[in-house]
């Protein structure tokens, strides 16, 4: 389906598309607020360390999903988001351009001439 068809021809299509967009933003904000509350109240301390680790994983997963959803339109804004995101990943110590996942993430192996 085309997004223009969904937005203009499907009944309540624009409402559905905008609700999906705002719900995605609300999800990211809610997850951050929840993690902030857990940190401030000390709920990450024993015996809940494993819950904290799972929560950090879920925050990371939520942000990655949000980033990939941001890229879906593949317009000028999304292209620059990919550029900034991959450059940030490359700058990560031990995981970036010198890390073990460089070919998987960036698709090329470095050449040292």
PDB file of N, CA and C in Angstrom:
ATOM      1  N   UNK A   1       0.828  -1.195   0.000  1.00  0.00           N
ATOM      2  CA  UNK A   1       0.000   0.000   0.000  1.00  0.00           C
ATOM      3  C   UNK A   1       0.865   1.248   0.000  1.00  0.00           C
ATOM      4  N   UNK A   2       0.347   2.256  -0.605  1.00  0.00           N
ATOM      5  CA  UNK A   2       1.036   3.525  -0.649  1.00  0.00           C
ATOM      6  C   UNK A   2       0.609   4.367   0.545  1.00  0.00           C
ATOM      7  N   UNK A   3       1.520   5.149   1.072  1.00  0.00           N
ATOM      8  CA  UNK A   3       1.190   5.995   2.227  1.00  0.00           C
ATOM      9  C   UNK A   3       0.177   7.065   1.861  1.00  0.00           C
ATOM     10  N   UNK A   4       0.244   7.563   0.632  1.00  0.00           N
ATOM     11  CA  UNK A   4      -0.738   8.566   0.207  1.00  0.00           C
ATOM     12  C   UNK A   4      -2.131   7.959   0.149  1.00  0.00           C
ATOM     13  N   UNK A   5      -2.217   6.706  -0.300  1.00  0.00           N
ATOM     14  CA  UNK A   5      -3.507   6.028  -0.321  1.00  0.00           C
ATOM     15  C   UNK A   5      -4.044   5.877   1.096  1.00  0.00           C
ATOM     16  N   UNK A   6      -3.196   5.443   2.013  1.00  0.00           N
ATOM     17  CA  UNK A   6      -3.612   5.294   3.407  1.00  0.00           C
ATOM     18  C   UNK A   6      -4.029   6.632   3.996  1.00  0.00           C
ATOM     19  N   UNK A   7      -3.282   7.658   3.705  1.00  0.00           N
ATOM     20  CA  UNK A   7      -3.527   8.952   4.328  1.00  0.00           C
ATOM     21  C   UNK A   7      -4.768   9.643   3.781  1.00  0.00           C
ATOM     22  N   UNK A   8      -5.018   9.531   2.493  1.00  0.00           N
ATOM     23  CA  UNK A   8      -6.086  10.329   1.890  1.00  0.00           C
ATOM     24  C   UNK A   8      -7.318   9.536   1.474  1.00  0.00           C
ATOM     25  N   UNK A   9      -7.194   8.251   1.176  1.00  0.00           N
ATOM     26  CA  UNK A   9      -8.327   7.493   0.651  1.00  0.00           C
ATOM     27  C   UNK A   9      -8.962   6.540   1.655  1.00  0.00           C
ATOM     28  N   UNK A  10      -8.187   6.010   2.570  1.00  0.00           N
ATOM     29  CA  UNK A  10      -8.721   5.095   3.578  1.00  0.00           C
ATOM     30  C   UNK A  10      -9.452   5.920   4.635  1.00  0.00           C
ATOM     31  N   UNK A  11     -10.680   5.508   5.010  1.00  0.00           N
ATOM     32  CA  UNK A  11     -11.384   6.250   6.059  1.00  0.00           C
ATOM     33  C   UNK A  11     -10.569   6.263   7.358  1.00  0.00           C
ATOM     34  N   UNK A  12     -10.405   7.433   7.919  1.00  0.00           N
ATOM     35  CA  UNK A  12      -9.633   7.658   9.141  1.00  0.00           C
ATOM     36  C   UNK A  12      -8.162   7.255   8.990  1.00  0.00           C
ATOM     37  N   UNK A  13      -7.676   7.198   7.764  1.00  0.00           N
ATOM     38  CA  UNK A  13      -6.289   6.806   7.519  1.00  0.00           C
ATOM     39  C   UNK A  13      -5.294   7.799   8.082  1.00  0.00           C
ATOM     40  N   UNK A  14      -5.590   9.086   7.919  1.00  0.00           N
ATOM     41  CA  UNK A  14      -4.680  10.103   8.444  1.00  0.00           C
ATOM     42  C   UNK A  14      -4.645  10.048   9.966  1.00  0.00           C
ATOM     43  N   UNK A  15      -5.808   9.821  10.572  1.00  0.00           N
ATOM     44  CA  UNK A  15      -5.867   9.696  12.027  1.00  0.00           C
ATOM     45  C   UNK A  15      -5.045   8.490  12.493  1.00  0.00           C
ATOM     46  N   UNK A  16      -5.194   7.376  11.785  1.00  0.00           N
ATOM     47  CA  UNK A  16      -4.464   6.171  12.165  1.00  0.00           C
ATOM     48  C   UNK A  16      -2.948   6.382  12.020  1.00  0.00           C
ATOM     49  N   UNK A  17      -2.543   7.012  10.942  1.00  0.00           N
ATOM     50  CA  UNK A  17      -1.113   7.248  10.732  1.00  0.00           C
ATOM     51  C   UNK A  17      -0.545   8.182  11.794  1.00  0.00           C
ATOM     52  N   UNK A  18      -1.270   9.236  12.109  1.00  0.00           N
ATOM     53  CA  UNK A  18      -0.788  10.175  13.120  1.00  0.00           C
ATOM     54  C   UNK A  18      -0.806   9.566  14.516  1.00  0.00           C
ATOM     55  N   UNK A  19      -1.817   8.739  14.810  1.00  0.00           N
ATOM     56  CA  UNK A  19      -1.843   8.067  16.114  1.00  0.00           C
ATOM     57  C   UNK A  19      -0.648   7.130  16.262  1.00  0.00           C
ATOM     58  N   UNK A  20      -0.288   6.442  15.183  1.00  0.00           N
ATOM     59  CA  UNK A  20       0.870   5.552  15.217  1.00  0.00           C
ATOM     60  C   UNK A  20       2.144   6.351  15.480  1.00  0.00           C
ATOM     61  N   UNK A  21       2.267   7.488  14.837  1.00  0.00           N
ATOM     62  CA  UNK A  21       3.452   8.333  15.016  1.00  0.00           C
ATOM     63  C   UNK A  21       3.557   8.844  16.447  1.00  0.00           C
ATOM     64  N   UNK A  22       2.460   9.377  16.970  1.00  0.00           N
ATOM     65  CA  UNK A  22       2.493   9.932  18.321  1.00  0.00           C
ATOM     66  C   UNK A  22       2.618   8.837  19.375  1.00  0.00           C
ATOM     67  N   UNK A  23       2.063   7.668  19.113  1.00  0.00           N
ATOM     68  CA  UNK A  23       2.222   6.554  20.052  1.00  0.00           C
ATOM     69  C   UNK A  23       3.681   6.100  20.110  1.00  0.00           C
ATOM     70  N   UNK A  24       4.372   6.140  18.983  1.00  0.00           N
ATOM     71  CA  UNK A  24       5.794   5.779  18.975  1.00  0.00           C
ATOM     72  C   UNK A  24       6.606   6.784  19.790  1.00  0.00           C
ATOM     73  N   UNK A  25       6.303   8.064  19.629  1.00  0.00           N
ATOM     74  CA  UNK A  25       6.995   9.077  20.433  1.00  0.00           C
ATOM     75  C   UNK A  25       6.681   8.894  21.921  1.00  0.00           C
ATOM     76  N   UNK A  26       5.418   8.626  22.233  1.00  0.00           N
ATOM     77  CA  UNK A  26       5.014   8.432  23.629  1.00  0.00           C
ATOM     78  C   UNK A  26       5.693   7.204  24.234  1.00  0.00           C
ATOM     79  N   UNK A  27       5.888   6.169  23.431  1.00  0.00           N
ATOM     80  CA  UNK A  27       6.562   4.961  23.912  1.00  0.00           C
ATOM     81  C   UNK A  27       7.996   5.276  24.342  1.00  0.00           C
ATOM     82  N   UNK A  28       8.721   6.000  23.519  1.00  0.00           N
ATOM     83  CA  UNK A  28      10.109   6.343  23.851  1.00  0.00           C
ATOM     84  C   UNK A  28      10.156   7.207  25.108  1.00  0.00           C
ATOM     85  N   UNK A  29       9.292   8.198  25.187  1.00  0.00           N
ATOM     86  CA  UNK A  29       9.263   9.082  26.359  1.00  0.00           C
ATOM     87  C   UNK A  29       8.898   8.307  27.615  1.00  0.00           C
ATOM     88  N   UNK A  30       7.907   7.434  27.519  1.00  0.00           N
ATOM     89  CA  UNK A  30       7.460   6.655  28.671  1.00  0.00           C
ATOM     90  C   UNK A  30       8.556   5.711  29.165  1.00  0.00           C
ATOM     91  N   UNK A  31       9.246   5.072  28.246  1.00  0.00           N
ATOM     92  CA  UNK A  31      10.328   4.165  28.645  1.00  0.00           C
ATOM     93  C   UNK A  31      11.441   4.933  29.349  1.00  0.00           C
ATOM     94  N   UNK A  32      11.808   6.112  28.833  1.00  0.00           N
ATOM     95  CA  UNK A  32      12.832   6.927  29.486  1.00  0.00           C
ATOM     96  C   UNK A  32      12.387   7.375  30.873  1.00  0.00           C
ATOM     97  N   UNK A  33      11.141   7.822  30.987  1.00  0.00           N
ATOM     98  CA  UNK A  33      10.642   8.257  32.293  1.00  0.00           C
ATOM     99  C   UNK A  33      10.624   7.107  33.297  1.00  0.00           C
ATOM    100  N   UNK A  34      10.238   5.925  32.827  1.00  0.00           N
ATOM    101  CA  UNK A  34      10.216   4.764  33.712  1.00  0.00           C
ATOM    102  C   UNK A  34      11.627   4.417  34.195  1.00  0.00           C
ATOM    103  N   UNK A  35      12.594   4.408  33.281  1.00  0.00           N
ATOM    104  CA  UNK A  35      13.965   4.097  33.687  1.00  0.00           C
ATOM    105  C   UNK A  35      14.519   5.163  34.632  1.00  0.00           C
ATOM    106  N   UNK A  36      14.163   6.407  34.412  1.00  0.00           N
ATOM    107  CA  UNK A  36      14.593   7.494  35.293  1.00  0.00           C
ATOM    108  C   UNK A  36      14.009   7.306  36.692  1.00  0.00           C
ATOM    109  N   UNK A  37      12.729   6.925  36.763  1.00  0.00           N
ATOM    110  CA  UNK A  37      12.095   6.693  38.062  1.00  0.00           C
ATOM    111  C   UNK A  37      12.740   5.516  38.784  1.00  0.00           C
ATOM    112  N   UNK A  38      13.003   4.440  38.050  1.00  0.00           N
ATOM    113  CA  UNK A  38      13.647   3.271  38.651  1.00  0.00           C
ATOM    114  C   UNK A  38      15.028   3.647  39.188  1.00  0.00           C
ATOM    115  N   UNK A  39      15.755   4.470  38.451  1.00  0.00           N
ATOM    116  CA  UNK A  39      17.077   4.892  38.903  1.00  0.00           C
ATOM    117  C   UNK A  39      16.984   5.777  40.141  1.00  0.00           C
ATOM    118  N   UNK A  40      16.052   6.745  40.128  1.00  0.00           N
ATOM    119  CA  UNK A  40      15.939   7.665  41.264  1.00  0.00           C
ATOM    120  C   UNK A  40      15.472   6.979  42.540  1.00  0.00           C
ATOM    121  N   UNK A  41      14.608   5.996  42.418  1.00  0.00           N
ATOM    122  CA  UNK A  41      14.099   5.309  43.606  1.00  0.00           C
ATOM    123  C   UNK A  41      15.013   4.181  44.068  1.00  0.00           C
ATOM    124  N   UNK A  42      16.063   3.897  43.303  1.00  0.00           N
ATOM    125  CA  UNK A  42      16.995   2.843  43.690  1.00  0.00           C
ATOM    126  C   UNK A  42      16.445   1.452  43.479  1.00  0.00           C
ATOM    127  N   UNK A  43      15.481   1.305  42.611  1.00  0.00           N
ATOM    128  CA  UNK A  43      14.876  -0.008  42.373  1.00  0.00           C
ATOM    129  C   UNK A  43      15.780  -0.949  41.590  1.00  0.00           C
ATOM    130  N   UNK A  44      16.949  -0.501  41.207  1.00  0.00           N
ATOM    131  CA  UNK A  44      17.899  -1.347  40.485  1.00  0.00           C
ATOM    132  C   UNK A  44      18.797  -2.127  41.443  1.00  0.00           C
ATOM    133  N   UNK A  45      18.713  -1.825  42.725  1.00  0.00           N
ATOM    134  CA  UNK A  45      19.573  -2.471  43.720  1.00  0.00           C
ATOM    135  C   UNK A  45      19.070  -3.881  44.026  1.00  0.00           C
ATOM    136  N   UNK A  46      19.901  -4.689  44.700  1.00  0.00           N
ATOM    137  CA  UNK A  46      19.490  -6.064  45.008  1.00  0.00           C
ATOM    138  C   UNK A  46      18.147  -6.101  45.719  1.00  0.00           C
ATOM    139  N   UNK A  47      17.322  -7.017  45.419  1.00  0.00           N
ATOM    140  CA  UNK A  47      17.483  -8.205  44.569  1.00  0.00           C
ATOM    141  C   UNK A  47      16.994  -7.994  43.135  1.00  0.00           C
ATOM    142  N   UNK A  48      16.980  -6.785  42.636  1.00  0.00           N
ATOM    143  CA  UNK A  48      16.393  -6.512  41.319  1.00  0.00           C
ATOM    144  C   UNK A  48      17.432  -6.158  40.254  1.00  0.00           C
ATOM    145  N   UNK A  49      18.656  -6.585  40.394  1.00  0.00           N
ATOM    146  CA  UNK A  49      19.671  -6.231  39.404  1.00  0.00           C
ATOM    147  C   UNK A  49      19.337  -6.784  38.030  1.00  0.00           C
ATOM    148  N   UNK A  50      18.813  -8.005  37.989  1.00  0.00           N
ATOM    149  CA  UNK A  50      18.483  -8.617  36.700  1.00  0.00           C
ATOM    150  C   UNK A  50      17.378  -7.831  36.001  1.00  0.00           C
ATOM    151  N   UNK A  51      16.402  -7.348  36.758  1.00  0.00           N
ATOM    152  CA  UNK A  51      15.347  -6.523  36.163  1.00  0.00           C
ATOM    153  C   UNK A  51      15.932  -5.250  35.558  1.00  0.00           C
ATOM    154  N   UNK A  52      16.926  -4.669  36.213  1.00  0.00           N
ATOM    155  CA  UNK A  52      17.566  -3.459  35.692  1.00  0.00           C
ATOM    156  C   UNK A  52      18.297  -3.759  34.376  1.00  0.00           C
ATOM    157  N   UNK A  53      18.995  -4.876  34.322  1.00  0.00           N
ATOM    158  CA  UNK A  53      19.708  -5.250  33.097  1.00  0.00           C
ATOM    159  C   UNK A  53      18.720  -5.459  31.954  1.00  0.00           C
ATOM    160  N   UNK A  54      17.624  -6.133  32.232  1.00  0.00           N
ATOM    161  CA  UNK A  54      16.587  -6.329  31.209  1.00  0.00           C
ATOM    162  C   UNK A  54      16.008  -4.983  30.792  1.00  0.00           C
ATOM    163  N   UNK A  55      15.805  -4.083  31.741  1.00  0.00           N
ATOM    164  CA  UNK A  55      15.282  -2.753  31.426  1.00  0.00           C
ATOM    165  C   UNK A  55      16.221  -1.956  30.540  1.00  0.00           C
ATOM    166  N   UNK A  56      17.517  -2.033  30.807  1.00  0.00           N
ATOM    167  CA  UNK A  56      18.495  -1.337  29.961  1.00  0.00           C
ATOM    168  C   UNK A  56      18.480  -1.926  28.553  1.00  0.00           C
ATOM    169  N   UNK A  57      18.367  -3.246  28.461  1.00  0.00           N
ATOM    170  CA  UNK A  57      18.256  -3.887  27.150  1.00  0.00           C
ATOM    171  C   UNK A  57      17.003  -3.406  26.419  1.00  0.00           C
ATOM    172  N   UNK A  58      15.879  -3.320  27.124  1.00  0.00           N
ATOM    173  CA  UNK A  58      14.632  -2.889  26.489  1.00  0.00           C
ATOM    174  C   UNK A  58      14.671  -1.417  26.077  1.00  0.00           C
ATOM    175  N   UNK A  59      15.337  -0.566  26.860  1.00  0.00           N
ATOM    176  CA  UNK A  59      15.504   0.839  26.455  1.00  0.00           C
ATOM    177  C   UNK A  59      16.318   0.906  25.168  1.00  0.00           C
ATOM    178  N   UNK A  60      17.398   0.152  25.117  1.00  0.00           N
ATOM    179  CA  UNK A  60      18.233   0.139  23.915  1.00  0.00           C
ATOM    180  C   UNK A  60      17.449  -0.377  22.717  1.00  0.00           C
ATOM    181  N   UNK A  61      16.698  -1.444  22.912  1.00  0.00           N
ATOM    182  CA  UNK A  61      15.892  -2.021  21.836  1.00  0.00           C
ATOM    183  C   UNK A  61      14.822  -1.035  21.367  1.00  0.00           C
ATOM    184  N   UNK A  62      14.188  -0.335  22.300  1.00  0.00           N
ATOM    185  CA  UNK A  62      13.178   0.667  21.948  1.00  0.00           C
ATOM    186  C   UNK A  62      13.791   1.792  21.131  1.00  0.00           C
ATOM    187  N   UNK A  63      14.967   2.254  21.522  1.00  0.00           N
ATOM    188  CA  UNK A  63      15.630   3.320  20.768  1.00  0.00           C
ATOM    189  C   UNK A  63      16.050   2.856  19.380  1.00  0.00           C
ATOM    190  N   UNK A  64      16.511   1.622  19.260  1.00  0.00           N
ATOM    191  CA  UNK A  64      16.866   1.104  17.938  1.00  0.00           C
ATOM    192  C   UNK A  64      15.637   0.975  17.046  1.00  0.00           C
ATOM    193  N   UNK A  65      14.532   0.507  17.608  1.00  0.00           N
ATOM    194  CA  UNK A  65      13.297   0.422  16.822  1.00  0.00           C
ATOM    195  C   UNK A  65      12.800   1.802  16.426  1.00  0.00           C
ATOM    196  N   UNK A  66      12.925   2.754  17.326  1.00  0.00           N
ATOM    197  CA  UNK A  66      12.528   4.120  17.007  1.00  0.00           C
ATOM    198  C   UNK A  66      13.397   4.684  15.891  1.00  0.00           C
ATOM    199  N   UNK A  67      14.685   4.395  15.939  1.00  0.00           N
ATOM    200  CA  UNK A  67      15.600   4.870  14.898  1.00  0.00           C
ATOM    201  C   UNK A  67      15.255   4.263  13.544  1.00  0.00           C
ATOM    202  N   UNK A  68      14.982   2.965  13.502  1.00  0.00           N
ATOM    203  CA  UNK A  68      14.648   2.337  12.223  1.00  0.00           C
ATOM    204  C   UNK A  68      13.303   2.821  11.700  1.00  0.00           C
ATOM    205  N   UNK A  69      12.361   3.103  12.583  1.00  0.00           N
ATOM    206  CA  UNK A  69      11.093   3.673  12.139  1.00  0.00           C
ATOM    207  C   UNK A  69      11.256   5.076  11.597  1.00  0.00           C
ATOM    208  N   UNK A  70      12.200   5.796  12.139  1.00  0.00           N
ATOM    209  CA  UNK A  70      12.507   7.152  11.680  1.00  0.00           C
ATOM    210  C   UNK A  70      13.068   7.129  10.264  1.00  0.00           C
ATOM    211  N   UNK A  71      13.723   6.032   9.907  1.00  0.00           N
ATOM    212  CA  UNK A  71      14.360   5.915   8.599  1.00  0.00           C
ATOM    213  C   UNK A  71      13.420   5.446   7.499  1.00  0.00           C
ATOM    214  N   UNK A  72      12.263   4.920   7.847  1.00  0.00           N
ATOM    215  CA  UNK A  72      11.386   4.311   6.853  1.00  0.00           C
ATOM    216  C   UNK A  72      10.974   5.215   5.691  1.00  0.00           C
ATOM    217  N   UNK A  73      10.694   6.490   5.893  1.00  0.00           N
ATOM    218  CA  UNK A  73      10.304   7.311   4.733  1.00  0.00           C
ATOM    219  C   UNK A  73      11.421   7.465   3.702  1.00  0.00           C
ATOM    220  N   UNK A  74      12.656   7.309   4.121  1.00  0.00           N
ATOM    221  CA  UNK A  74      13.852   7.429   3.308  1.00  0.00           C
ATOM    222  C   UNK A  74      13.840   8.711   2.486  1.00  0.00           C
ATOM    223  N   UNK A  75      13.621   9.798   3.191  1.00  0.00           N
ATOM    224  CA  UNK A  75      13.700  11.118   2.590  1.00  0.00           C
ATOM    225  C   UNK A  75      15.029  11.747   2.998  1.00  0.00           C
ATOM    226  N   UNK A  76      15.165  13.043   2.778  1.00  0.00           N
ATOM    227  CA  UNK A  76      16.416  13.730   3.096  1.00  0.00           C
ATOM    228  C   UNK A  76      16.730  13.668   4.591  1.00  0.00           C
ATOM    229  N   UNK A  77      15.701  13.843   5.422  1.00  0.00           N
ATOM    230  CA  UNK A  77      15.892  13.787   6.869  1.00  0.00           C
ATOM    231  C   UNK A  77      16.359  12.400   7.309  1.00  0.00           C
ATOM    232  N   UNK A  78      15.762  11.359   6.739  1.00  0.00           N
ATOM    233  CA  UNK A  78      16.149   9.997   7.092  1.00  0.00           C
ATOM    234  C   UNK A  78      17.571   9.683   6.624  1.00  0.00           C
ATOM    235  N   UNK A  79      17.945  10.183   5.456  1.00  0.00           N
ATOM    236  CA  UNK A  79      19.291   9.941   4.951  1.00  0.00           C
ATOM    237  C   UNK A  79      20.339  10.549   5.879  1.00  0.00           C
ATOM    238  N   UNK A  80      20.076  11.755   6.372  1.00  0.00           N
ATOM    239  CA  UNK A  80      21.026  12.375   7.287  1.00  0.00           C
ATOM    240  C   UNK A  80      20.992  11.708   8.657  1.00  0.00           C
ATOM    241  N   UNK A  81      19.845  11.172   9.049  1.00  0.00           N
ATOM    242  CA  UNK A  81      19.779  10.421  10.307  1.00  0.00           C
ATOM    243  C   UNK A  81      20.640   9.163  10.221  1.00  0.00           C
ATOM    244  N   UNK A  82      20.620   8.491   9.067  1.00  0.00           N
ATOM    245  CA  UNK A  82      21.478   7.323   8.868  1.00  0.00           C
ATOM    246  C   UNK A  82      22.946   7.731   8.923  1.00  0.00           C
ATOM    247  N   UNK A  83      23.276   8.841   8.297  1.00  0.00           N
ATOM    248  CA  UNK A  83      24.659   9.314   8.294  1.00  0.00           C
ATOM    249  C   UNK A  83      25.141   9.601   9.712  1.00  0.00           C
ATOM    250  N   UNK A  84      24.353  10.325  10.470  1.00  0.00           N
ATOM    251  CA  UNK A  84      24.735  10.655  11.847  1.00  0.00           C
ATOM    252  C   UNK A  84      24.772   9.395  12.709  1.00  0.00           C
ATOM    253  N   UNK A  85      23.769   8.530  12.571  1.00  0.00           N
ATOM    254  CA  UNK A  85      23.712   7.308  13.376  1.00  0.00           C
ATOM    255  C   UNK A  85      24.875   6.370  13.118  1.00  0.00           C
ATOM    256  N   UNK A  86      25.239   6.177  11.854  1.00  0.00           N
ATOM    257  CA  UNK A  86      26.369   5.291  11.569  1.00  0.00           C
ATOM    258  C   UNK A  86      27.690   5.912  11.999  1.00  0.00           C
ATOM    259  N   UNK A  87      27.809   7.225  11.892  1.00  0.00           N
ATOM    260  CA  UNK A  87      29.038   7.868  12.380  1.00  0.00           C
ATOM    261  C   UNK A  87      29.151   7.772  13.895  1.00  0.00           C
ATOM    262  N   UNK A  88      28.027   7.857  14.595  1.00  0.00           N
ATOM    263  CA  UNK A  88      28.056   7.669  16.049  1.00  0.00           C
ATOM    264  C   UNK A  88      28.447   6.235  16.389  1.00  0.00           C
ATOM    265  N   UNK A  89      27.920   5.273  15.635  1.00  0.00           N
ATOM    266  CA  UNK A  89      28.275   3.873  15.879  1.00  0.00           C
ATOM    267  C   UNK A  89      29.748   3.628  15.585  1.00  0.00           C
ATOM    268  N   UNK A  90      30.272   4.248  14.540  1.00  0.00           N
ATOM    269  CA  UNK A  90      31.694   4.092  14.219  1.00  0.00           C
ATOM    270  C   UNK A  90      32.595   4.672  15.298  1.00  0.00           C
ATOM    271  N   UNK A  91      32.141   5.709  15.969  1.00  0.00           N
ATOM    272  CA  UNK A  91      32.955   6.367  16.986  1.00  0.00           C
ATOM    273  C   UNK A  91      32.930   5.646  18.328  1.00  0.00           C
ATOM    274  N   UNK A  92      32.115   4.613  18.460  1.00  0.00           N
ATOM    275  CA  UNK A  92      32.024   3.870  19.711  1.00  0.00           C
ATOM    276  C   UNK A  92      33.305   3.063  19.930  1.00  0.00           C
ATOM    277  N   UNK A  93      33.968   3.254  21.058  1.00  0.00           N
ATOM    278  CA  UNK A  93      35.212   2.517  21.301  1.00  0.00           C
ATOM    279  C   UNK A  93      34.982   1.006  21.360  1.00  0.00           C
ATOM    280  N   UNK A  94      35.877   0.248  20.765  1.00  0.00           N
ATOM    281  CA  UNK A  94      35.894  -1.215  20.752  1.00  0.00           C
ATOM    282  C   UNK A  94      34.739  -1.844  19.981  1.00  0.00           C
ATOM    283  N   UNK A  95      33.756  -1.089  19.562  1.00  0.00           N
ATOM    284  CA  UNK A  95      32.647  -1.639  18.783  1.00  0.00           C
ATOM    285  C   UNK A  95      32.530  -0.980  17.419  1.00  0.00           C
ATOM    286  N   UNK A  96      33.121   0.167  17.259  1.00  0.00           N
ATOM    287  CA  UNK A  96      32.982   0.943  16.040  1.00  0.00           C
ATOM    288  C   UNK A  96      33.841   0.429  14.907  1.00  0.00           C
ATOM    289  N   UNK A  97      34.618   1.312  14.311  1.00  0.00           N
ATOM    290  CA  UNK A  97      35.393   0.960  13.127  1.00  0.00           C
ATOM    291  C   UNK A  97      36.494  -0.058  13.403  1.00  0.00           C
ATOM    292  N   UNK A  98      36.913  -0.227  14.651  1.00  0.00           N
ATOM    293  CA  UNK A  98      37.934  -1.236  14.930  1.00  0.00           C
ATOM    294  C   UNK A  98      37.350  -2.480  15.586  1.00  0.00           C
ATOM    295  N   UNK A  99      36.042  -2.532  15.758  1.00  0.00           N
ATOM    296  CA  UNK A  99      35.417  -3.629  16.478  1.00  0.00           C
ATOM    297  C   UNK A  99      35.156  -4.864  15.640  1.00  0.00           C
ATOM    298  N   UNK A 100      34.672  -5.912  16.290  1.00  0.00           N
ATOM    299  CA  UNK A 100      34.455  -7.186  15.605  1.00  0.00           C
ATOM    300  C   UNK A 100      33.244  -7.196  14.673  1.00  0.00           C
ATOM    301  N   UNK A 101      32.350  -6.231  14.781  1.00  0.00           N
ATOM    302  CA  UNK A 101      31.123  -6.237  13.986  1.00  0.00           C
ATOM    303  C   UNK A 101      31.152  -5.223  12.847  1.00  0.00           C
ATOM    304  N   UNK A 102      32.320  -4.720  12.483  1.00  0.00           N
ATOM    305  CA  UNK A 102      32.400  -3.641  11.510  1.00  0.00           C
ATOM    306  C   UNK A 102      31.846  -4.046  10.148  1.00  0.00           C
ATOM    307  N   UNK A 103      32.123  -5.267   9.693  1.00  0.00           N
ATOM    308  CA  UNK A 103      31.612  -5.684   8.391  1.00  0.00           C
ATOM    309  C   UNK A 103      30.107  -5.891   8.433  1.00  0.00           C
ATOM    310  N   UNK A 104      29.593  -6.366   9.555  1.00  0.00           N
ATOM    311  CA  UNK A 104      28.154  -6.586   9.678  1.00  0.00           C
ATOM    312  C   UNK A 104      27.394  -5.268   9.721  1.00  0.00           C
ATOM    313  N   UNK A 105      27.881  -4.318  10.495  1.00  0.00           N
ATOM    314  CA  UNK A 105      27.174  -3.050  10.681  1.00  0.00           C
ATOM    315  C   UNK A 105      27.378  -2.116   9.499  1.00  0.00           C
ATOM    316  N   UNK A 106      28.603  -1.987   9.035  1.00  0.00           N
ATOM    317  CA  UNK A 106      28.911  -0.987   8.013  1.00  0.00           C
ATOM    318  C   UNK A 106      29.018  -1.571   6.613  1.00  0.00           C
ATOM    319  N   UNK A 107      29.089  -2.897   6.498  1.00  0.00           N
ATOM    320  CA  UNK A 107      29.053  -3.541   5.200  1.00  0.00           C
ATOM    321  C   UNK A 107      30.352  -3.547   4.419  1.00  0.00           C
ATOM    322  N   UNK A 108      31.392  -2.990   4.943  1.00  0.00           N
ATOM    323  CA  UNK A 108      32.675  -2.975   4.238  1.00  0.00           C
ATOM    324  C   UNK A 108      33.782  -3.282   5.228  1.00  0.00           C
ATOM    325  N   UNK A 109      34.854  -3.808   4.714  1.00  0.00           N
ATOM    326  CA  UNK A 109      36.020  -3.999   5.566  1.00  0.00           C
ATOM    327  C   UNK A 109      36.980  -2.842   5.315  1.00  0.00           C
ATOM    328  N   UNK A 110      37.666  -2.393   6.343  1.00  0.00           N
ATOM    329  CA  UNK A 110      38.545  -1.230   6.166  1.00  0.00           C
ATOM    330  C   UNK A 110      39.780  -1.574   5.344  1.00  0.00           C
ATOM    331  N   UNK A 111      40.260  -0.593   4.619  1.00  0.00           N
ATOM    332  CA  UNK A 111      41.494  -0.742   3.849  1.00  0.00           C
ATOM    333  C   UNK A 111      42.542   0.159   4.469  1.00  0.00           C
ATOM    334  N   UNK A 112      43.670  -0.435   4.784  1.00  0.00           N
ATOM    335  CA  UNK A 112      44.773   0.329   5.351  1.00  0.00           C
ATOM    336  C   UNK A 112      45.908   0.344   4.327  1.00  0.00           C
ATOM    337  N   UNK A 113      45.980   1.405   3.568  1.00  0.00           N
ATOM    338  CA  UNK A 113      47.027   1.520   2.539  1.00  0.00           C
ATOM    339  C   UNK A 113      48.189   2.326   3.043  1.00  0.00           C
TER     340      UNK A 113
END
